[in-house]
Amino acid sequence: MKQFKGFLLPNEPTCIAACTAAEARLWRSESRFGEWTSLDRLENEDAKASDRDLVSDRPGRSFDSFGSGRHAMAPRESAQDTELKRFAREVAGRLDKAVADGTVDRVVLICDPRFLGHLRPALSAKTGHAVILEVPKNPAGVDRKQLQAGFT
C-alpha cells in the first residue's frame, strides 16, 4: 500500500482500523514509530452472501394504484446493504468502546470506500472527533507490516 502522503501517526495511543465489508482489523499504536499491537479482529460471515441467501421470503405483492393489476414490492434497500450497515455498527461499537474507555485517543480509518460510507454515521460523536485520518482504500490482502510501512 502506498504512503499516506507523509502523514505521521501521533505520539499518543492511536487505533488503526483496516476495514472491508468482510473483515475489520484493529491495532493500537503507542507512538509514531512504535510497534502495533492487535486490539481486535471482527469478521462478517454474510459479506459474500447474495440477497437471495440473506432473505428467505419472496417480496410482498401490492395492488396497482389504478386498475386491477398486482406487482411485487421492492425492498427499500438490499439485504446486503442491511448486513453491511449492521457490520458497520458492530465495528463502530468496538471503536466507540476503545475511545470511551481510554484505550486509544485517536483513530485512523483505512476502509473500503463503500464501507467507510456506512461506518462514518455509525460512529459516536466522541469517536468521530477522534478520527484524524480517513483513507478510502480497500485494505484487503494488505498485512500489518505493509500498512505500518505506509506511515513512515
N, C-alpha and C. Protein backbone atom coordinates (compact mmCIF):
# COMPACT_ATOMS: atom_id res chain seq x y z
N MET A 1 0.84 -1.17 0.00
CA MET A 1 0.00 0.00 0.00
C MET A 1 0.89 1.23 0.00
N LYS A 2 0.51 2.22 -0.76
CA LYS A 2 1.32 3.43 -0.92
C LYS A 2 1.33 4.25 0.37
N GLN A 3 2.28 5.15 0.41
CA GLN A 3 2.38 6.05 1.55
C GLN A 3 1.13 6.89 1.68
N PHE A 4 0.88 7.35 2.88
CA PHE A 4 -0.30 8.16 3.15
C PHE A 4 0.06 9.64 3.13
N LYS A 5 0.69 10.07 2.04
CA LYS A 5 1.03 11.46 1.78
C LYS A 5 1.78 12.10 2.94
N GLY A 6 2.76 11.41 3.49
CA GLY A 6 3.59 11.96 4.54
C GLY A 6 2.92 12.08 5.90
N PHE A 7 1.77 11.46 6.07
CA PHE A 7 1.08 11.52 7.36
C PHE A 7 1.85 10.69 8.38
N LEU A 8 2.13 11.27 9.53
CA LEU A 8 2.79 10.55 10.61
C LEU A 8 1.78 10.31 11.73
N LEU A 9 1.82 9.12 12.29
CA LEU A 9 0.95 8.81 13.42
C LEU A 9 1.34 9.69 14.61
N PRO A 10 0.38 10.06 15.44
CA PRO A 10 0.72 10.88 16.61
C PRO A 10 1.44 10.05 17.67
N ASN A 11 2.10 10.74 18.58
CA ASN A 11 2.78 10.09 19.69
C ASN A 11 1.84 9.94 20.87
N GLU A 12 0.71 9.35 20.62
CA GLU A 12 -0.28 9.05 21.64
C GLU A 12 -1.02 7.79 21.21
N PRO A 13 -1.71 7.12 22.12
CA PRO A 13 -2.40 5.88 21.77
C PRO A 13 -3.38 6.09 20.61
N THR A 14 -3.16 5.37 19.52
CA THR A 14 -3.95 5.53 18.31
C THR A 14 -4.43 4.17 17.83
N CYS A 15 -5.68 4.10 17.40
CA CYS A 15 -6.23 2.88 16.81
C CYS A 15 -6.16 3.01 15.30
N ILE A 16 -5.59 2.03 14.66
CA ILE A 16 -5.56 1.95 13.21
C ILE A 16 -6.54 0.85 12.83
N ALA A 17 -7.59 1.23 12.10
CA ALA A 17 -8.64 0.28 11.71
C ALA A 17 -8.59 0.07 10.21
N ALA A 18 -8.36 -1.18 9.79
CA ALA A 18 -8.37 -1.55 8.37
C ALA A 18 -9.63 -2.39 8.15
N CYS A 19 -10.59 -1.83 7.39
CA CYS A 19 -11.91 -2.45 7.30
C CYS A 19 -12.38 -2.65 5.87
N THR A 20 -13.01 -3.80 5.67
CA THR A 20 -13.75 -4.09 4.45
C THR A 20 -15.13 -4.58 4.88
N ALA A 21 -15.96 -4.91 3.92
CA ALA A 21 -17.28 -5.44 4.25
C ALA A 21 -17.19 -6.80 4.94
N ALA A 22 -16.09 -7.51 4.74
CA ALA A 22 -15.94 -8.86 5.28
C ALA A 22 -15.16 -8.93 6.58
N GLU A 23 -14.32 -7.93 6.85
CA GLU A 23 -13.41 -8.04 7.98
C GLU A 23 -12.98 -6.66 8.47
N ALA A 24 -12.77 -6.55 9.77
CA ALA A 24 -12.22 -5.33 10.37
C ALA A 24 -11.06 -5.76 11.28
N ARG A 25 -9.89 -5.19 11.01
CA ARG A 25 -8.70 -5.47 11.84
C ARG A 25 -8.34 -4.18 12.55
N LEU A 26 -8.19 -4.26 13.87
CA LEU A 26 -7.90 -3.08 14.68
C LEU A 26 -6.57 -3.27 15.41
N TRP A 27 -5.70 -2.26 15.31
CA TRP A 27 -4.42 -2.27 16.02
C TRP A 27 -4.30 -1.02 16.86
N ARG A 28 -3.41 -1.08 17.84
CA ARG A 28 -3.13 0.06 18.71
C ARG A 28 -1.65 0.40 18.58
N SER A 29 -1.39 1.68 18.37
CA SER A 29 -0.03 2.19 18.31
C SER A 29 0.17 3.16 19.46
N GLU A 30 1.24 2.98 20.21
CA GLU A 30 1.55 3.86 21.34
C GLU A 30 2.27 5.12 20.90
N SER A 31 3.10 5.00 19.87
CA SER A 31 3.91 6.13 19.43
C SER A 31 4.06 6.10 17.91
N ARG A 32 4.58 7.17 17.39
CA ARG A 32 4.69 7.37 15.95
C ARG A 32 5.38 6.21 15.24
N PHE A 33 6.49 5.75 15.75
CA PHE A 33 7.25 4.68 15.09
C PHE A 33 7.26 3.39 15.89
N GLY A 34 6.37 3.28 16.87
CA GLY A 34 6.31 2.08 17.71
C GLY A 34 5.62 0.92 17.02
N GLU A 35 5.69 -0.22 17.67
CA GLU A 35 5.02 -1.43 17.16
C GLU A 35 3.52 -1.30 17.33
N TRP A 36 2.80 -1.98 16.48
CA TRP A 36 1.34 -2.04 16.59
C TRP A 36 0.96 -3.34 17.28
N THR A 37 0.07 -3.24 18.26
CA THR A 37 -0.44 -4.43 18.91
C THR A 37 -1.89 -4.64 18.48
N SER A 38 -2.27 -5.88 18.34
CA SER A 38 -3.62 -6.20 17.88
C SER A 38 -4.64 -5.89 18.97
N LEU A 39 -5.69 -5.15 18.61
CA LEU A 39 -6.80 -4.88 19.52
C LEU A 39 -7.94 -5.87 19.32
N ASP A 40 -8.29 -6.09 18.05
CA ASP A 40 -9.44 -6.94 17.75
C ASP A 40 -9.46 -7.28 16.27
N ARG A 41 -10.20 -8.32 15.95
CA ARG A 41 -10.45 -8.71 14.56
C ARG A 41 -11.90 -9.16 14.49
N LEU A 42 -12.69 -8.45 13.72
CA LEU A 42 -14.11 -8.76 13.57
C LEU A 42 -14.36 -9.30 12.16
N GLU A 43 -15.19 -10.32 12.06
CA GLU A 43 -15.50 -10.90 10.76
C GLU A 43 -16.99 -10.81 10.48
N ASN A 44 -17.32 -10.60 9.23
CA ASN A 44 -18.69 -10.56 8.77
C ASN A 44 -18.92 -11.77 7.87
N GLU A 45 -19.51 -12.79 8.42
CA GLU A 45 -19.73 -14.05 7.69
C GLU A 45 -20.63 -13.88 6.47
N ASP A 46 -21.54 -12.91 6.53
CA ASP A 46 -22.53 -12.74 5.46
C ASP A 46 -22.08 -11.79 4.36
N ALA A 47 -20.83 -11.34 4.38
CA ALA A 47 -20.37 -10.35 3.41
C ALA A 47 -20.45 -10.84 1.97
N LYS A 48 -20.20 -12.11 1.76
CA LYS A 48 -20.19 -12.63 0.39
C LYS A 48 -21.49 -13.30 0.00
N ALA A 49 -22.46 -13.31 0.90
CA ALA A 49 -23.75 -13.94 0.60
C ALA A 49 -24.56 -13.06 -0.35
N SER A 50 -25.34 -13.69 -1.19
CA SER A 50 -26.20 -12.94 -2.10
C SER A 50 -27.48 -12.55 -1.37
N ASP A 51 -28.22 -11.62 -1.96
CA ASP A 51 -29.50 -11.22 -1.37
C ASP A 51 -30.42 -12.41 -1.20
N ARG A 52 -30.39 -13.31 -2.16
CA ARG A 52 -31.25 -14.50 -2.11
C ARG A 52 -30.92 -15.37 -0.89
N ASP A 53 -29.64 -15.44 -0.54
CA ASP A 53 -29.24 -16.24 0.62
C ASP A 53 -29.61 -15.57 1.94
N LEU A 54 -29.66 -14.22 1.93
CA LEU A 54 -29.93 -13.49 3.17
C LEU A 54 -31.42 -13.32 3.46
N VAL A 55 -32.25 -13.40 2.43
CA VAL A 55 -33.69 -13.20 2.58
C VAL A 55 -34.40 -14.50 2.26
N SER A 56 -35.26 -14.93 3.17
CA SER A 56 -35.92 -16.22 2.98
C SER A 56 -37.22 -16.12 2.19
N ASP A 57 -37.86 -14.97 2.22
CA ASP A 57 -39.17 -14.83 1.58
C ASP A 57 -39.07 -14.08 0.26
N ARG A 58 -40.05 -14.33 -0.59
CA ARG A 58 -40.19 -13.54 -1.79
C ARG A 58 -40.77 -12.19 -1.40
N PRO A 59 -40.57 -11.16 -2.23
CA PRO A 59 -41.12 -9.85 -1.86
C PRO A 59 -42.65 -9.89 -1.84
N GLY A 60 -43.23 -9.04 -1.02
CA GLY A 60 -44.69 -8.96 -0.93
C GLY A 60 -45.30 -8.45 -2.22
N ARG A 61 -46.62 -8.52 -2.31
CA ARG A 61 -47.31 -8.07 -3.51
C ARG A 61 -48.27 -6.97 -3.14
N SER A 62 -48.52 -6.10 -4.08
CA SER A 62 -49.40 -4.97 -3.84
C SER A 62 -50.27 -4.74 -5.07
N PHE A 63 -51.44 -4.16 -4.86
CA PHE A 63 -52.31 -3.80 -5.98
C PHE A 63 -51.79 -2.52 -6.62
N ASP A 64 -51.99 -2.40 -7.93
CA ASP A 64 -51.66 -1.16 -8.62
C ASP A 64 -52.53 -0.05 -8.09
N SER A 65 -52.05 1.18 -8.19
CA SER A 65 -52.84 2.30 -7.72
C SER A 65 -54.05 2.56 -8.63
N PHE A 66 -53.97 2.08 -9.85
CA PHE A 66 -55.09 2.24 -10.77
C PHE A 66 -55.30 0.93 -11.51
N GLY A 67 -56.46 0.42 -11.54
CA GLY A 67 -56.75 -0.83 -12.23
C GLY A 67 -56.71 -2.01 -11.28
N SER A 68 -56.73 -3.19 -11.86
CA SER A 68 -56.81 -4.39 -11.03
C SER A 68 -55.52 -5.21 -11.06
N GLY A 69 -54.44 -4.63 -11.53
CA GLY A 69 -53.17 -5.35 -11.60
C GLY A 69 -52.48 -5.44 -10.25
N ARG A 70 -51.53 -6.36 -10.15
CA ARG A 70 -50.71 -6.52 -8.94
C ARG A 70 -49.26 -6.57 -9.35
N HIS A 71 -48.41 -6.20 -8.44
CA HIS A 71 -46.97 -6.26 -8.72
C HIS A 71 -46.20 -6.53 -7.43
N ALA A 72 -44.97 -7.01 -7.59
CA ALA A 72 -44.12 -7.27 -6.43
C ALA A 72 -43.57 -5.95 -5.90
N MET A 73 -43.48 -5.87 -4.59
CA MET A 73 -42.93 -4.66 -3.96
C MET A 73 -41.43 -4.86 -3.78
N ALA A 74 -40.67 -3.88 -4.16
CA ALA A 74 -39.21 -3.94 -3.99
C ALA A 74 -38.85 -3.43 -2.60
N PRO A 75 -37.87 -4.05 -1.96
CA PRO A 75 -37.44 -3.55 -0.64
C PRO A 75 -36.76 -2.19 -0.80
N ARG A 76 -36.78 -1.40 0.28
CA ARG A 76 -36.16 -0.07 0.24
C ARG A 76 -34.64 -0.17 0.07
N GLU A 77 -34.03 -1.19 0.63
CA GLU A 77 -32.61 -1.41 0.45
C GLU A 77 -32.36 -2.91 0.36
N SER A 78 -31.24 -3.25 -0.27
CA SER A 78 -30.95 -4.67 -0.45
C SER A 78 -30.56 -5.30 0.88
N ALA A 79 -30.67 -6.61 0.95
CA ALA A 79 -30.28 -7.34 2.16
C ALA A 79 -28.78 -7.19 2.40
N GLN A 80 -27.99 -7.06 1.33
CA GLN A 80 -26.55 -6.87 1.51
C GLN A 80 -26.26 -5.52 2.16
N ASP A 81 -26.98 -4.47 1.74
CA ASP A 81 -26.79 -3.17 2.38
C ASP A 81 -27.19 -3.20 3.85
N THR A 82 -28.26 -3.89 4.14
CA THR A 82 -28.70 -4.03 5.54
C THR A 82 -27.62 -4.73 6.36
N GLU A 83 -27.03 -5.78 5.81
CA GLU A 83 -25.97 -6.52 6.50
C GLU A 83 -24.72 -5.67 6.64
N LEU A 84 -24.40 -4.90 5.62
CA LEU A 84 -23.23 -4.02 5.67
C LEU A 84 -23.39 -2.96 6.76
N LYS A 85 -24.58 -2.39 6.88
CA LYS A 85 -24.85 -1.41 7.94
C LYS A 85 -24.76 -2.05 9.32
N ARG A 86 -25.23 -3.29 9.45
CA ARG A 86 -25.15 -3.99 10.74
C ARG A 86 -23.70 -4.18 11.14
N PHE A 87 -22.86 -4.61 10.17
CA PHE A 87 -21.45 -4.83 10.46
C PHE A 87 -20.75 -3.50 10.77
N ALA A 88 -21.11 -2.44 10.07
CA ALA A 88 -20.52 -1.12 10.34
C ALA A 88 -20.87 -0.68 11.76
N ARG A 89 -22.09 -0.94 12.21
CA ARG A 89 -22.48 -0.60 13.60
C ARG A 89 -21.66 -1.43 14.60
N GLU A 90 -21.39 -2.69 14.27
CA GLU A 90 -20.58 -3.54 15.16
C GLU A 90 -19.16 -3.00 15.27
N VAL A 91 -18.56 -2.63 14.15
CA VAL A 91 -17.20 -2.08 14.15
C VAL A 91 -17.19 -0.74 14.88
N ALA A 92 -18.18 0.10 14.61
CA ALA A 92 -18.27 1.40 15.27
C ALA A 92 -18.41 1.23 16.79
N GLY A 93 -19.17 0.25 17.21
CA GLY A 93 -19.31 -0.02 18.64
C GLY A 93 -17.99 -0.38 19.28
N ARG A 94 -17.18 -1.16 18.58
CA ARG A 94 -15.87 -1.55 19.11
C ARG A 94 -14.93 -0.34 19.18
N LEU A 95 -14.97 0.51 18.15
CA LEU A 95 -14.15 1.73 18.15
C LEU A 95 -14.63 2.69 19.23
N ASP A 96 -15.95 2.85 19.38
CA ASP A 96 -16.51 3.71 20.42
C ASP A 96 -16.06 3.27 21.80
N LYS A 97 -16.06 1.97 22.03
CA LYS A 97 -15.65 1.42 23.33
C LYS A 97 -14.17 1.74 23.60
N ALA A 98 -13.32 1.57 22.58
CA ALA A 98 -11.88 1.82 22.74
C ALA A 98 -11.61 3.29 23.05
N VAL A 99 -12.35 4.19 22.44
CA VAL A 99 -12.17 5.62 22.70
C VAL A 99 -12.75 5.98 24.07
N ALA A 100 -13.93 5.47 24.38
CA ALA A 100 -14.60 5.80 25.64
C ALA A 100 -13.83 5.32 26.86
N ASP A 101 -13.24 4.12 26.79
CA ASP A 101 -12.53 3.61 27.97
C ASP A 101 -11.06 4.04 28.02
N GLY A 102 -10.63 4.89 27.07
CA GLY A 102 -9.28 5.44 27.11
C GLY A 102 -8.21 4.53 26.55
N THR A 103 -8.58 3.44 25.91
CA THR A 103 -7.59 2.56 25.29
C THR A 103 -6.84 3.31 24.20
N VAL A 104 -7.55 4.15 23.44
CA VAL A 104 -6.94 4.98 22.40
C VAL A 104 -7.49 6.40 22.49
N ASP A 105 -6.69 7.35 22.02
CA ASP A 105 -7.12 8.75 21.98
C ASP A 105 -7.47 9.18 20.56
N ARG A 106 -6.85 8.56 19.57
CA ARG A 106 -7.03 8.91 18.17
C ARG A 106 -7.38 7.68 17.36
N VAL A 107 -8.00 7.89 16.18
CA VAL A 107 -8.41 6.79 15.32
C VAL A 107 -8.03 7.11 13.88
N VAL A 108 -7.46 6.12 13.19
CA VAL A 108 -7.15 6.20 11.77
C VAL A 108 -7.99 5.13 11.08
N LEU A 109 -8.75 5.52 10.06
CA LEU A 109 -9.61 4.58 9.33
C LEU A 109 -9.05 4.36 7.93
N ILE A 110 -8.72 3.10 7.63
CA ILE A 110 -8.32 2.71 6.28
C ILE A 110 -9.39 1.72 5.83
N CYS A 111 -10.35 2.20 5.05
CA CYS A 111 -11.55 1.41 4.76
C CYS A 111 -11.90 1.42 3.29
N ASP A 112 -12.50 0.32 2.86
CA ASP A 112 -13.12 0.28 1.55
C ASP A 112 -14.10 1.46 1.48
N PRO A 113 -14.11 2.24 0.39
CA PRO A 113 -14.95 3.44 0.33
C PRO A 113 -16.43 3.19 0.65
N ARG A 114 -16.99 2.11 0.14
CA ARG A 114 -18.40 1.82 0.40
C ARG A 114 -18.63 1.55 1.90
N PHE A 115 -17.73 0.80 2.52
CA PHE A 115 -17.85 0.52 3.95
C PHE A 115 -17.66 1.78 4.77
N LEU A 116 -16.71 2.62 4.37
CA LEU A 116 -16.46 3.88 5.08
C LEU A 116 -17.71 4.75 5.11
N GLY A 117 -18.47 4.73 4.01
CA GLY A 117 -19.71 5.49 3.96
C GLY A 117 -20.75 5.01 4.95
N HIS A 118 -20.72 3.74 5.31
CA HIS A 118 -21.64 3.21 6.33
C HIS A 118 -21.06 3.36 7.73
N LEU A 119 -19.73 3.35 7.85
CA LEU A 119 -19.09 3.42 9.16
C LEU A 119 -19.17 4.82 9.77
N ARG A 120 -18.94 5.85 8.96
CA ARG A 120 -18.94 7.22 9.48
C ARG A 120 -20.17 7.56 10.30
N PRO A 121 -21.38 7.38 9.76
CA PRO A 121 -22.57 7.76 10.56
C PRO A 121 -22.82 6.86 11.76
N ALA A 122 -22.20 5.69 11.79
CA ALA A 122 -22.40 4.76 12.91
C ALA A 122 -21.51 5.11 14.11
N LEU A 123 -20.48 5.93 13.91
CA LEU A 123 -19.57 6.30 14.99
C LEU A 123 -20.24 7.30 15.93
N SER A 124 -19.91 7.21 17.21
CA SER A 124 -20.41 8.20 18.16
C SER A 124 -19.72 9.54 17.89
N ALA A 125 -20.28 10.61 18.43
CA ALA A 125 -19.70 11.94 18.23
C ALA A 125 -18.27 12.00 18.76
N LYS A 126 -18.04 11.41 19.93
CA LYS A 126 -16.70 11.43 20.54
C LYS A 126 -15.70 10.70 19.66
N THR A 127 -16.07 9.55 19.13
CA THR A 127 -15.17 8.79 18.25
C THR A 127 -14.99 9.53 16.93
N GLY A 128 -16.05 10.13 16.43
CA GLY A 128 -15.94 10.91 15.19
C GLY A 128 -14.92 12.02 15.31
N HIS A 129 -14.87 12.68 16.48
CA HIS A 129 -13.88 13.74 16.71
C HIS A 129 -12.48 13.19 16.89
N ALA A 130 -12.36 11.92 17.28
CA ALA A 130 -11.06 11.30 17.48
C ALA A 130 -10.43 10.84 16.16
N VAL A 131 -11.22 10.77 15.08
CA VAL A 131 -10.70 10.34 13.78
C VAL A 131 -9.79 11.42 13.23
N ILE A 132 -8.53 11.07 12.98
CA ILE A 132 -7.56 12.05 12.48
C ILE A 132 -7.20 11.81 11.01
N LEU A 133 -7.55 10.64 10.48
CA LEU A 133 -7.25 10.35 9.07
C LEU A 133 -8.22 9.30 8.57
N GLU A 134 -8.76 9.53 7.38
CA GLU A 134 -9.58 8.55 6.68
C GLU A 134 -8.92 8.26 5.33
N VAL A 135 -8.65 7.01 5.07
CA VAL A 135 -8.06 6.60 3.80
C VAL A 135 -9.08 5.72 3.09
N PRO A 136 -9.73 6.23 2.04
CA PRO A 136 -10.75 5.44 1.33
C PRO A 136 -10.12 4.47 0.32
N LYS A 137 -9.42 3.48 0.83
CA LYS A 137 -8.79 2.45 0.01
C LYS A 137 -9.15 1.09 0.58
N ASN A 138 -9.25 0.11 -0.28
CA ASN A 138 -9.58 -1.25 0.16
C ASN A 138 -8.32 -1.91 0.71
N PRO A 139 -8.28 -2.21 2.02
CA PRO A 139 -7.08 -2.82 2.61
C PRO A 139 -7.06 -4.35 2.54
N ALA A 140 -7.95 -4.96 1.76
CA ALA A 140 -7.98 -6.42 1.66
C ALA A 140 -6.65 -6.91 1.07
N GLY A 141 -6.10 -7.92 1.70
CA GLY A 141 -4.84 -8.51 1.23
C GLY A 141 -3.60 -7.74 1.63
N VAL A 142 -3.74 -6.67 2.41
CA VAL A 142 -2.60 -5.89 2.88
C VAL A 142 -2.38 -6.23 4.35
N ASP A 143 -1.18 -6.68 4.68
CA ASP A 143 -0.93 -7.08 6.07
C ASP A 143 -0.48 -5.89 6.92
N ARG A 144 -0.33 -6.14 8.22
CA ARG A 144 0.03 -5.09 9.19
C ARG A 144 1.34 -4.41 8.83
N LYS A 145 2.34 -5.18 8.46
CA LYS A 145 3.66 -4.60 8.15
C LYS A 145 3.59 -3.65 6.96
N GLN A 146 2.81 -4.01 5.94
CA GLN A 146 2.66 -3.15 4.77
C GLN A 146 1.93 -1.86 5.14
N LEU A 147 0.89 -1.97 5.97
CA LEU A 147 0.18 -0.77 6.42
C LEU A 147 1.10 0.11 7.25
N GLN A 148 1.84 -0.51 8.16
CA GLN A 148 2.73 0.22 9.03
C GLN A 148 3.81 0.96 8.22
N ALA A 149 4.30 0.33 7.18
CA ALA A 149 5.33 0.94 6.33
C ALA A 149 4.78 2.18 5.62
N GLY A 150 3.48 2.25 5.40
CA GLY A 150 2.90 3.41 4.75
C GLY A 150 2.94 4.68 5.57
N PHE A 151 3.16 4.56 6.88
CA PHE A 151 3.18 5.71 7.77
C PHE A 151 4.59 6.21 8.06
N THR A 152 5.59 5.59 7.49
CA THR A 152 6.98 6.05 7.79
C THR A 152 7.58 6.77 6.64
